[in-house]
Amino acid sequence: MKTSFDQFENDRMIQNPENYKWGIFYFNRKDHRILVPKRINMMGWTLNFANIYTYFLLLGIIGIGLIYGMLVN
């Protein structure tokens, strides 16, 4: 069951250093979003590696790159 958090709770989870592996990979099982803003919002977005759909997204991007690379050569 997905839990909807308010903006304050989302910001608090992003700022919590315990939700990062090795200080750079966001990993929070309570946060069901795939893309989350980085700690400094102006720096862009990062992936939530605790979400299984993140890995599907990464495989899709890599697959498209491989297919494109094979077609160009």
PDB file of N, CA and C in Angstrom:
ATOM      1  N   MET A   1       0.832  -1.171   0.000  1.00  0.00           N
ATOM      2  CA  MET A   1       0.000   0.000   0.000  1.00  0.00           C
ATOM      3  C   MET A   1       0.884   1.244   0.000  1.00  0.00           C
ATOM      4  N   LYS A   2       0.651   2.122  -0.947  1.00  0.00           N
ATOM      5  CA  LYS A   2       1.436   3.330  -1.045  1.00  0.00           C
ATOM      6  C   LYS A   2       0.912   4.373  -0.069  1.00  0.00           C
ATOM      7  N   THR A   3       1.839   5.050   0.536  1.00  0.00           N
ATOM      8  CA  THR A   3       1.494   6.125   1.452  1.00  0.00           C
ATOM      9  C   THR A   3       1.850   7.443   0.789  1.00  0.00           C
ATOM     10  N   SER A   4       0.922   8.362   0.816  1.00  0.00           N
ATOM     11  CA  SER A   4       1.160   9.679   0.246  1.00  0.00           C
ATOM     12  C   SER A   4       1.706  10.597   1.328  1.00  0.00           C
ATOM     13  N   PHE A   5       2.871  11.173   1.048  1.00  0.00           N
ATOM     14  CA  PHE A   5       3.475  12.091   1.999  1.00  0.00           C
ATOM     15  C   PHE A   5       3.234  13.515   1.527  1.00  0.00           C
ATOM     16  N   ASP A   6       3.183  14.443   2.473  1.00  0.00           N
ATOM     17  CA  ASP A   6       3.063  15.851   2.097  1.00  0.00           C
ATOM     18  C   ASP A   6       4.449  16.382   1.709  1.00  0.00           C
ATOM     19  N   GLN A   7       4.489  17.591   1.186  1.00  0.00           N
ATOM     20  CA  GLN A   7       5.736  18.168   0.690  1.00  0.00           C
ATOM     21  C   GLN A   7       6.780  18.296   1.792  1.00  0.00           C
ATOM     22  N   PHE A   8       6.359  18.639   2.996  1.00  0.00           N
ATOM     23  CA  PHE A   8       7.302  18.763   4.109  1.00  0.00           C
ATOM     24  C   PHE A   8       7.978  17.432   4.398  1.00  0.00           C
ATOM     25  N   GLU A   9       7.209  16.363   4.422  1.00  0.00           N
ATOM     26  CA  GLU A   9       7.768  15.035   4.700  1.00  0.00           C
ATOM     27  C   GLU A   9       8.698  14.593   3.573  1.00  0.00           C
ATOM     28  N   ASN A  10       8.327  14.879   2.323  1.00  0.00           N
ATOM     29  CA  ASN A  10       9.191  14.547   1.191  1.00  0.00           C
ATOM     30  C   ASN A  10      10.529  15.273   1.311  1.00  0.00           C
ATOM     31  N   ASP A  11      10.487  16.554   1.623  1.00  0.00           N
ATOM     32  CA  ASP A  11      11.714  17.328   1.776  1.00  0.00           C
ATOM     33  C   ASP A  11      12.560  16.805   2.931  1.00  0.00           C
ATOM     34  N   ARG A  12      11.919  16.422   4.003  1.00  0.00           N
ATOM     35  CA  ARG A  12      12.640  15.892   5.161  1.00  0.00           C
ATOM     36  C   ARG A  12      13.346  14.583   4.814  1.00  0.00           C
ATOM     37  N   MET A  13      12.676  13.723   4.040  1.00  0.00           N
ATOM     38  CA  MET A  13      13.289  12.449   3.652  1.00  0.00           C
ATOM     39  C   MET A  13      14.481  12.671   2.737  1.00  0.00           C
ATOM     40  N   ILE A  14      14.379  13.649   1.838  1.00  0.00           N
ATOM     41  CA  ILE A  14      15.475  13.921   0.915  1.00  0.00           C
ATOM     42  C   ILE A  14      16.687  14.458   1.658  1.00  0.00           C
ATOM     43  N   GLN A  15      16.478  15.265   2.659  1.00  0.00           N
ATOM     44  CA  GLN A  15      17.582  15.882   3.394  1.00  0.00           C
ATOM     45  C   GLN A  15      18.239  14.944   4.406  1.00  0.00           C
ATOM     46  N   ASN A  16      17.596  13.844   4.735  1.00  0.00           N
ATOM     47  CA  ASN A  16      18.105  12.918   5.747  1.00  0.00           C
ATOM     48  C   ASN A  16      19.287  12.122   5.179  1.00  0.00           C
ATOM     49  N   PRO A  17      20.492  12.268   5.735  1.00  0.00           N
ATOM     50  CA  PRO A  17      21.660  11.551   5.211  1.00  0.00           C
ATOM     51  C   PRO A  17      21.566  10.031   5.357  1.00  0.00           C
ATOM     52  N   GLU A  18      20.687   9.539   6.228  1.00  0.00           N
ATOM     53  CA  GLU A  18      20.529   8.094   6.388  1.00  0.00           C
ATOM     54  C   GLU A  18      19.860   7.459   5.173  1.00  0.00           C
ATOM     55  N   ASN A  19      19.227   8.269   4.325  1.00  0.00           N
ATOM     56  CA  ASN A  19      18.560   7.759   3.137  1.00  0.00           C
ATOM     57  C   ASN A  19      19.481   7.712   1.921  1.00  0.00           C
ATOM     58  N   TYR A  20      20.774   7.838   2.134  1.00  0.00           N
ATOM     59  CA  TYR A  20      21.742   7.814   1.048  1.00  0.00           C
ATOM     60  C   TYR A  20      22.762   6.716   1.302  1.00  0.00           C
ATOM     61  N   LYS A  21      23.048   5.943   0.275  1.00  0.00           N
ATOM     62  CA  LYS A  21      24.100   4.928   0.337  1.00  0.00           C
ATOM     63  C   LYS A  21      25.372   5.562  -0.204  1.00  0.00           C
ATOM     64  N   TRP A  22      26.445   5.452   0.527  1.00  0.00           N
ATOM     65  CA  TRP A  22      27.743   6.020   0.178  1.00  0.00           C
ATOM     66  C   TRP A  22      27.648   7.522  -0.049  1.00  0.00           C
ATOM     67  N   GLY A  23      26.626   8.151   0.476  1.00  0.00           N
ATOM     68  CA  GLY A  23      26.491   9.592   0.397  1.00  0.00           C
ATOM     69  C   GLY A  23      25.954  10.137  -0.912  1.00  0.00           C
ATOM     70  N   ILE A  24      25.763   9.273  -1.950  1.00  0.00           N
ATOM     71  CA  ILE A  24      25.330   9.792  -3.249  1.00  0.00           C
ATOM     72  C   ILE A  24      24.106   9.091  -3.827  1.00  0.00           C
ATOM     73  N   PHE A  25      23.851   7.851  -3.442  1.00  0.00           N
ATOM     74  CA  PHE A  25      22.722   7.098  -4.001  1.00  0.00           C
ATOM     75  C   PHE A  25      21.532   7.159  -3.048  1.00  0.00           C
ATOM     76  N   TYR A  26      20.449   7.795  -3.497  1.00  0.00           N
ATOM     77  CA  TYR A  26      19.240   7.908  -2.666  1.00  0.00           C
ATOM     78  C   TYR A  26      18.566   6.543  -2.604  1.00  0.00           C
ATOM     79  N   PHE A  27      18.319   6.041  -1.402  1.00  0.00           N
ATOM     80  CA  PHE A  27      17.740   4.709  -1.188  1.00  0.00           C
ATOM     81  C   PHE A  27      16.780   4.808  -0.017  1.00  0.00           C
ATOM     82  N   ASN A  28      15.480   4.940  -0.329  1.00  0.00           N
ATOM     83  CA  ASN A  28      14.472   5.093   0.714  1.00  0.00           C
ATOM     84  C   ASN A  28      13.246   4.273   0.338  1.00  0.00           C
ATOM     85  N   ARG A  29      13.024   3.192   1.059  1.00  0.00           N
ATOM     86  CA  ARG A  29      11.886   2.305   0.767  1.00  0.00           C
ATOM     87  C   ARG A  29      10.537   2.967   1.057  1.00  0.00           C
ATOM     88  N   LYS A  30      10.508   3.940   1.942  1.00  0.00           N
ATOM     89  CA  LYS A  30       9.247   4.613   2.273  1.00  0.00           C
ATOM     90  C   LYS A  30       8.811   5.579   1.179  1.00  0.00           C
ATOM     91  N   ASP A  31       9.752   6.050   0.384  1.00  0.00           N
ATOM     92  CA  ASP A  31       9.476   7.001  -0.690  1.00  0.00           C
ATOM     93  C   ASP A  31       9.222   6.214  -1.969  1.00  0.00           C
ATOM     94  N   HIS A  32       8.012   6.284  -2.495  1.00  0.00           N
ATOM     95  CA  HIS A  32       7.646   5.468  -3.655  1.00  0.00           C
ATOM     96  C   HIS A  32       7.900   6.154  -4.986  1.00  0.00           C
ATOM     97  N   ARG A  33       8.483   7.344  -4.959  1.00  0.00           N
ATOM     98  CA  ARG A  33       8.784   8.040  -6.208  1.00  0.00           C
ATOM     99  C   ARG A  33      10.029   7.440  -6.854  1.00  0.00           C
ATOM    100  N   ILE A  34      10.062   7.460  -8.185  1.00  0.00           N
ATOM    101  CA  ILE A  34      11.237   6.990  -8.916  1.00  0.00           C
ATOM    102  C   ILE A  34      12.263   8.117  -8.992  1.00  0.00           C
ATOM    103  N   LEU A  35      11.824   9.272  -9.412  1.00  0.00           N
ATOM    104  CA  LEU A  35      12.685  10.453  -9.503  1.00  0.00           C
ATOM    105  C   LEU A  35      12.398  11.371  -8.334  1.00  0.00           C
ATOM    106  N   VAL A  36      13.447  11.778  -7.666  1.00  0.00           N
ATOM    107  CA  VAL A  36      13.301  12.697  -6.538  1.00  0.00           C
ATOM    108  C   VAL A  36      14.279  13.846  -6.729  1.00  0.00           C
ATOM    109  N   PRO A  37      13.934  15.044  -6.248  1.00  0.00           N
ATOM    110  CA  PRO A  37      14.886  16.159  -6.364  1.00  0.00           C
ATOM    111  C   PRO A  37      16.105  15.908  -5.484  1.00  0.00           C
ATOM    112  N   LYS A  38      17.235  16.425  -5.930  1.00  0.00           N
ATOM    113  CA  LYS A  38      18.457  16.284  -5.134  1.00  0.00           C
ATOM    114  C   LYS A  38      18.368  17.162  -3.894  1.00  0.00           C
ATOM    115  N   ARG A  39      19.312  16.993  -2.999  1.00  0.00           N
ATOM    116  CA  ARG A  39      19.318  17.767  -1.756  1.00  0.00           C
ATOM    117  C   ARG A  39      19.301  19.255  -2.043  1.00  0.00           C
ATOM    118  N   ILE A  40      20.080  19.672  -3.032  1.00  0.00           N
ATOM    119  CA  ILE A  40      20.061  21.057  -3.494  1.00  0.00           C
ATOM    120  C   ILE A  40      19.205  21.055  -4.753  1.00  0.00           C
ATOM    121  N   ASN A  41      17.998  21.608  -4.672  1.00  0.00           N
ATOM    122  CA  ASN A  41      17.025  21.496  -5.749  1.00  0.00           C
ATOM    123  C   ASN A  41      17.536  21.980  -7.091  1.00  0.00           C
ATOM    124  N   MET A  42      18.407  22.969  -7.106  1.00  0.00           N
ATOM    125  CA  MET A  42      18.904  23.509  -8.364  1.00  0.00           C
ATOM    126  C   MET A  42      19.859  22.555  -9.074  1.00  0.00           C
ATOM    127  N   MET A  43      20.275  21.487  -8.402  1.00  0.00           N
ATOM    128  CA  MET A  43      21.207  20.531  -8.995  1.00  0.00           C
ATOM    129  C   MET A  43      20.495  19.485  -9.843  1.00  0.00           C
ATOM    130  N   GLY A  44      19.177  19.444  -9.813  1.00  0.00           N
ATOM    131  CA  GLY A  44      18.451  18.510 -10.659  1.00  0.00           C
ATOM    132  C   GLY A  44      17.750  17.420  -9.871  1.00  0.00           C
ATOM    133  N   TRP A  45      17.736  16.243 -10.456  1.00  0.00           N
ATOM    134  CA  TRP A  45      16.996  15.106  -9.916  1.00  0.00           C
ATOM    135  C   TRP A  45      17.926  13.912  -9.755  1.00  0.00           C
ATOM    136  N   THR A  46      17.501  12.970  -8.930  1.00  0.00           N
ATOM    137  CA  THR A  46      18.228  11.728  -8.751  1.00  0.00           C
ATOM    138  C   THR A  46      17.221  10.583  -8.725  1.00  0.00           C
ATOM    139  N   LEU A  47      17.708   9.375  -8.765  1.00  0.00           N
ATOM    140  CA  LEU A  47      16.846   8.199  -8.755  1.00  0.00           C
ATOM    141  C   LEU A  47      16.750   7.627  -7.348  1.00  0.00           C
ATOM    142  N   ASN A  48      15.592   7.065  -7.032  1.00  0.00           N
ATOM    143  CA  ASN A  48      15.395   6.359  -5.764  1.00  0.00           C
ATOM    144  C   ASN A  48      15.703   4.890  -6.026  1.00  0.00           C
ATOM    145  N   PHE A  49      16.864   4.429  -5.612  1.00  0.00           N
ATOM    146  CA  PHE A  49      17.298   3.079  -5.902  1.00  0.00           C
ATOM    147  C   PHE A  49      16.601   2.025  -5.046  1.00  0.00           C
ATOM    148  N   ALA A  50      15.714   2.415  -4.168  1.00  0.00           N
ATOM    149  CA  ALA A  50      14.913   1.460  -3.402  1.00  0.00           C
ATOM    150  C   ALA A  50      13.651   1.075  -4.164  1.00  0.00           C
ATOM    151  N   ASN A  51      13.363   1.773  -5.250  1.00  0.00           N
ATOM    152  CA  ASN A  51      12.177   1.504  -6.052  1.00  0.00           C
ATOM    153  C   ASN A  51      12.558   0.582  -7.212  1.00  0.00           C
ATOM    154  N   ILE A  52      11.871  -0.537  -7.367  1.00  0.00           N
ATOM    155  CA  ILE A  52      12.200  -1.528  -8.399  1.00  0.00           C
ATOM    156  C   ILE A  52      12.060  -0.948  -9.799  1.00  0.00           C
ATOM    157  N   TYR A  53      11.157   0.009  -9.991  1.00  0.00           N
ATOM    158  CA  TYR A  53      10.957   0.589 -11.315  1.00  0.00           C
ATOM    159  C   TYR A  53      12.149   1.440 -11.757  1.00  0.00           C
ATOM    160  N   THR A  54      12.980   1.858 -10.828  1.00  0.00           N
ATOM    161  CA  THR A  54      14.202   2.579 -11.172  1.00  0.00           C
ATOM    162  C   THR A  54      15.107   1.697 -12.025  1.00  0.00           C
ATOM    163  N   TYR A  55      15.196   0.430 -11.671  1.00  0.00           N
ATOM    164  CA  TYR A  55      16.061  -0.486 -12.414  1.00  0.00           C
ATOM    165  C   TYR A  55      15.487  -0.774 -13.799  1.00  0.00           C
ATOM    166  N   PHE A  56      14.166  -0.840 -13.914  1.00  0.00           N
ATOM    167  CA  PHE A  56      13.554  -0.994 -15.237  1.00  0.00           C
ATOM    168  C   PHE A  56      13.850   0.231 -16.101  1.00  0.00           C
ATOM    169  N   LEU A  57      13.783   1.412 -15.510  1.00  0.00           N
ATOM    170  CA  LEU A  57      14.090   2.641 -16.232  1.00  0.00           C
ATOM    171  C   LEU A  57      15.541   2.631 -16.715  1.00  0.00           C
ATOM    172  N   LEU A  58      16.466   2.262 -15.848  1.00  0.00           N
ATOM    173  CA  LEU A  58      17.875   2.206 -16.225  1.00  0.00           C
ATOM    174  C   LEU A  58      18.130   1.175 -17.323  1.00  0.00           C
ATOM    175  N   LEU A  59      17.517   0.004 -17.215  1.00  0.00           N
ATOM    176  CA  LEU A  59      17.671  -1.018 -18.255  1.00  0.00           C
ATOM    177  C   LEU A  59      17.108  -0.535 -19.585  1.00  0.00           C
ATOM    178  N   GLY A  60      15.993   0.174 -19.553  1.00  0.00           N
ATOM    179  CA  GLY A  60      15.412   0.721 -20.776  1.00  0.00           C
ATOM    180  C   GLY A  60      16.328   1.734 -21.432  1.00  0.00           C
ATOM    181  N   ILE A  61      16.913   2.614 -20.650  1.00  0.00           N
ATOM    182  CA  ILE A  61      17.826   3.623 -21.188  1.00  0.00           C
ATOM    183  C   ILE A  61      19.070   2.959 -21.782  1.00  0.00           C
ATOM    184  N   ILE A  62      19.625   1.991 -21.070  1.00  0.00           N
ATOM    185  CA  ILE A  62      20.795   1.276 -21.577  1.00  0.00           C
ATOM    186  C   ILE A  62      20.438   0.498 -22.840  1.00  0.00           C
ATOM    187  N   GLY A  63      19.260  -0.140 -22.846  1.00  0.00           N
ATOM    188  CA  GLY A  63      18.827  -0.895 -24.023  1.00  0.00           C
ATOM    189  C   GLY A  63      18.661  -0.009 -25.240  1.00  0.00           C
ATOM    190  N   ILE A  64      18.060   1.148 -25.056  1.00  0.00           N
ATOM    191  CA  ILE A  64      17.892   2.087 -26.181  1.00  0.00           C
ATOM    192  C   ILE A  64      19.266   2.527 -26.687  1.00  0.00           C
ATOM    193  N   GLY A  65      20.178   2.791 -25.776  1.00  0.00           N
ATOM    194  CA  GLY A  65      21.534   3.174 -26.186  1.00  0.00           C
ATOM    195  C   GLY A  65      22.243   2.077 -26.957  1.00  0.00           C
ATOM    196  N   LEU A  66      22.091   0.846 -26.515  1.00  0.00           N
ATOM    197  CA  LEU A  66      22.729  -0.279 -27.221  1.00  0.00           C
ATOM    198  C   LEU A  66      22.127  -0.478 -28.606  1.00  0.00           C
ATOM    199  N   ILE A  67      20.803  -0.418 -28.700  1.00  0.00           N
ATOM    200  CA  ILE A  67      20.135  -0.579 -29.994  1.00  0.00           C
ATOM    201  C   ILE A  67      20.552   0.546 -30.941  1.00  0.00           C
ATOM    202  N   TYR A  68      20.575   1.775 -30.434  1.00  0.00           N
ATOM    203  CA  TYR A  68      20.991   2.907 -31.254  1.00  0.00           C
ATOM    204  C   TYR A  68      22.436   2.725 -31.722  1.00  0.00           C
ATOM    205  N   GLY A  69      23.300   2.264 -30.819  1.00  0.00           N
ATOM    206  CA  GLY A  69      24.698   2.035 -31.177  1.00  0.00           C
ATOM    207  C   GLY A  69      24.861   0.979 -32.249  1.00  0.00           C
ATOM    208  N   MET A  70      24.051  -0.061 -32.212  1.00  0.00           N
ATOM    209  CA  MET A  70      24.123  -1.113 -33.232  1.00  0.00           C
ATOM    210  C   MET A  70      23.583  -0.613 -34.567  1.00  0.00           C
ATOM    211  N   LEU A  71      22.578   0.230 -34.545  1.00  0.00           N
ATOM    212  CA  LEU A  71      22.000   0.723 -35.790  1.00  0.00           C
ATOM    213  C   LEU A  71      22.899   1.741 -36.486  1.00  0.00           C
ATOM    214  N   VAL A  72      23.643   2.511 -35.728  1.00  0.00           N
ATOM    215  CA  VAL A  72      24.508   3.534 -36.304  1.00  0.00           C
ATOM    216  C   VAL A  72      25.722   2.899 -36.988  1.00  0.00           C
ATOM    217  N   ASN A  73      26.246   1.829 -36.394  1.00  0.00           N
ATOM    218  CA  ASN A  73      27.431   1.179 -36.980  1.00  0.00           C
ATOM    219  C   ASN A  73      27.046   0.372 -38.138  1.00  0.00           C
TER     220      ASN A  73
END
